[in-house]
Amino acid sequence: FFLRRIHSSPDPRKLIALTKFVRELGIDCESLESRFEIKRLIEQSIDRPESTAINVAVLRSMQKAIYSPRDIGHYALTSDYYCHSTSPIRRYPDLVIHRMIGDLIVGKRPRDDFGQLERLGQHCSELEQRAEKAERDLIRLKLLNYLFEYFLVSLDLPKRQ
């Protein structure tokens, strides 16, 4: 068993809403319930002024990625055999994968405790979501602080200590 970063299929209602949104932008497209049509849309919109809005809307229509030992494939890659692997500095689940591959390289059988991997995947997914929320909160705080300082300067008020 490996710990995978998985993306299950999106909710069809979100894809229908995405299709409607994109068409309201004046972009002709088939139903975005097809992953191939989503790919075509992203490629088609690269040079359009709305490209950022389209990319954000596509991302929001997708399921949240989670870590799991369950082999459900990867929606965007249309792959049945996929294992997300980056740097162990970035993600603890990648370190778990690297350790398992290291065991295989030296001829050792990796631990295959599915329950433990499932708990670890859930824990890592929750921590990643908390980190993303903390990042958004920090950005909001920095923006509010900037706007507050800007407001003080624009009114020619003394800066706070």
Protein backbone atom coordinates (compact mmCIF):
# COMPACT_ATOMS: atom_id res chain seq x y z
CA PHE A 1 0.00 0.00 0.00
CA PHE A 2 1.17 3.51 -0.82
CA LEU A 3 -0.03 6.82 0.50
CA ARG A 4 -1.41 8.71 -2.49
CA ARG A 5 -2.59 12.24 -3.10
CA ILE A 6 -5.96 11.56 -4.65
CA HIS A 7 -8.51 13.67 -6.47
CA SER A 8 -11.88 12.02 -6.81
CA SER A 9 -14.32 12.97 -9.55
CA PRO A 10 -15.98 16.40 -9.17
CA ASP A 11 -19.61 16.83 -8.25
CA PRO A 12 -21.54 16.95 -11.57
CA ARG A 13 -23.59 19.92 -10.28
CA LYS A 14 -20.40 21.95 -9.88
CA LEU A 15 -19.36 21.08 -13.43
CA ILE A 16 -22.77 22.13 -14.77
CA ALA A 17 -22.41 25.46 -12.90
CA LEU A 18 -18.87 25.82 -14.28
CA THR A 19 -20.16 25.24 -17.82
CA LYS A 20 -22.81 27.92 -17.32
CA PHE A 21 -20.24 30.37 -15.90
CA VAL A 22 -17.84 29.87 -18.80
CA ARG A 23 -20.60 30.25 -21.39
CA GLU A 24 -21.71 33.50 -19.69
CA LEU A 25 -18.16 34.74 -20.27
CA GLY A 26 -18.85 34.26 -23.98
CA ILE A 27 -16.73 31.14 -24.37
CA ASP A 28 -18.25 28.43 -26.53
CA CYS A 29 -17.71 25.04 -24.94
CA GLU A 30 -19.27 21.63 -24.63
CA SER A 31 -20.36 20.40 -21.21
CA LEU A 32 -17.45 20.62 -18.78
CA GLU A 33 -18.53 17.31 -17.30
CA SER A 34 -15.87 15.97 -19.66
CA ARG A 35 -12.33 16.27 -18.30
CA PHE A 36 -11.09 16.61 -21.88
CA GLU A 37 -13.35 19.62 -22.43
CA ILE A 38 -11.97 21.17 -19.23
CA LYS A 39 -8.45 20.68 -20.58
CA ARG A 40 -9.44 22.25 -23.91
CA LEU A 41 -11.07 25.19 -22.09
CA ILE A 42 -7.94 25.90 -20.06
CA GLU A 43 -5.75 25.74 -23.16
CA GLN A 44 -8.19 27.94 -25.11
CA SER A 45 -8.36 30.58 -22.39
CA ILE A 46 -4.62 31.05 -21.75
CA ASP A 47 -4.37 34.41 -23.54
CA ARG A 48 -7.81 35.71 -22.55
CA PRO A 49 -8.23 38.40 -19.91
CA GLU A 50 -10.59 36.05 -18.05
CA SER A 51 -8.02 33.26 -17.78
CA THR A 52 -7.42 33.75 -14.05
CA ALA A 53 -11.16 33.72 -13.31
CA ILE A 54 -11.58 30.59 -15.43
CA ASN A 55 -8.68 28.80 -13.72
CA VAL A 56 -10.03 29.69 -10.27
CA ALA A 57 -13.53 28.55 -11.24
CA VAL A 58 -12.18 25.25 -12.57
CA LEU A 59 -10.18 24.67 -9.38
CA ARG A 60 -13.20 25.45 -7.21
CA SER A 61 -15.30 22.96 -9.14
CA MET A 62 -12.87 20.14 -8.37
CA GLN A 63 -12.84 17.97 -5.27
CA LYS A 64 -10.29 18.80 -2.60
CA ALA A 65 -7.18 16.67 -2.83
CA ILE A 66 -6.59 14.35 0.09
CA TYR A 67 -4.01 11.76 1.07
CA SER A 68 -5.17 8.17 1.21
CA PRO A 69 -3.92 4.63 0.64
CA ARG A 70 -7.12 3.95 -1.32
CA ASP A 71 -6.43 3.40 -5.02
CA ILE A 72 -9.20 5.42 -6.67
CA GLY A 73 -7.05 6.83 -9.48
CA HIS A 74 -6.56 10.50 -10.25
CA TYR A 75 -9.39 12.41 -11.92
CA ALA A 76 -7.33 14.98 -13.80
CA LEU A 77 -4.65 12.56 -14.95
CA THR A 78 -7.14 9.82 -15.83
CA SER A 79 -4.64 7.40 -14.40
CA ASP A 80 -5.37 4.26 -12.44
CA TYR A 81 -1.79 4.05 -11.17
CA TYR A 82 -0.63 7.33 -9.75
CA CYS A 83 1.50 8.29 -6.81
CA HIS A 84 2.12 11.98 -6.16
CA SER A 85 5.73 12.49 -5.22
CA THR A 86 7.58 15.75 -4.72
CA SER A 87 10.16 16.74 -2.17
CA PRO A 88 10.01 15.28 1.35
CA ILE A 89 10.60 18.80 2.59
CA ARG A 90 7.21 19.84 1.20
CA ARG A 91 5.02 16.99 2.31
CA TYR A 92 5.27 14.35 4.96
CA PRO A 93 3.24 11.87 2.85
CA ASP A 94 5.95 12.11 0.21
CA LEU A 95 8.52 11.17 2.83
CA VAL A 96 6.41 8.10 3.66
CA ILE A 97 6.42 7.16 -0.04
CA HIS A 98 10.17 7.77 -0.33
CA ARG A 99 10.78 5.52 2.68
CA MET A 100 8.66 2.77 1.15
CA ILE A 101 10.50 3.04 -2.16
CA GLY A 102 13.79 3.00 -0.25
CA ASP A 103 12.71 -0.23 1.44
CA LEU A 104 11.91 -1.76 -1.95
CA ILE A 105 15.28 -0.69 -3.37
CA VAL A 106 17.18 -2.50 -0.62
CA GLY A 107 14.97 -5.57 -0.96
CA LYS A 108 12.98 -4.97 2.21
CA ARG A 109 9.21 -5.31 2.23
CA PRO A 110 7.57 -1.96 3.13
CA ARG A 111 5.09 -1.88 6.00
CA ASP A 112 1.63 -2.55 4.66
CA ASP A 113 -0.63 -1.41 7.49
CA PHE A 114 -3.58 -0.02 5.52
CA GLY A 115 -5.33 1.32 8.64
CA GLN A 116 -2.24 3.22 9.76
CA LEU A 117 -1.77 4.70 6.26
CA GLU A 118 -5.42 5.70 6.17
CA ARG A 119 -5.13 7.50 9.54
CA LEU A 120 -1.88 9.15 8.43
CA GLY A 121 -3.49 10.27 5.17
CA GLN A 122 -6.45 11.78 7.01
CA HIS A 123 -4.14 13.53 9.48
CA CYS A 124 -1.92 14.95 6.72
CA SER A 125 -4.95 16.09 4.72
CA GLU A 126 -6.35 17.91 7.75
CA LEU A 127 -2.99 19.56 8.47
CA GLU A 128 -2.66 20.67 4.86
CA GLN A 129 -6.13 22.22 4.97
CA ARG A 130 -5.27 23.99 8.24
CA ALA A 131 -2.05 25.32 6.70
CA GLU A 132 -3.96 26.62 3.66
CA LYS A 133 -6.48 28.33 5.94
CA ALA A 134 -3.66 29.88 8.00
CA GLU A 135 -2.06 31.16 4.80
CA ARG A 136 -5.35 32.74 3.66
CA ASP A 137 -5.87 34.27 7.12
CA LEU A 138 -2.35 35.72 7.06
CA ILE A 139 -2.90 37.23 3.61
CA ARG A 140 -6.17 38.77 4.84
CA LEU A 141 -4.46 40.15 7.93
CA LYS A 142 -1.59 41.63 5.90
CA LEU A 143 -4.05 43.18 3.44
CA LEU A 144 -6.11 44.71 6.23
CA ASN A 145 -2.97 46.06 7.88
CA TYR A 146 -1.84 47.55 4.57
CA LEU A 147 -5.24 49.15 3.98
CA PHE A 148 -5.29 50.51 7.54
CA GLU A 149 -1.84 52.10 7.09
CA TYR A 150 -2.88 53.44 3.68
CA PHE A 151 -5.99 54.95 5.24
CA LEU A 152 -3.92 56.65 7.96
CA VAL A 153 -1.51 58.10 5.39
CA SER A 154 -4.30 59.27 3.08
CA LEU A 155 -5.94 61.14 5.97
CA ASP A 156 -2.55 62.46 7.09
CA LEU A 157 -2.98 60.82 10.51
CA PRO A 158 0.00 59.71 12.59
CA LYS A 159 1.00 56.08 12.14
CA ARG A 160 0.22 53.76 15.02
CA GLN A 161 3.03 52.50 17.22
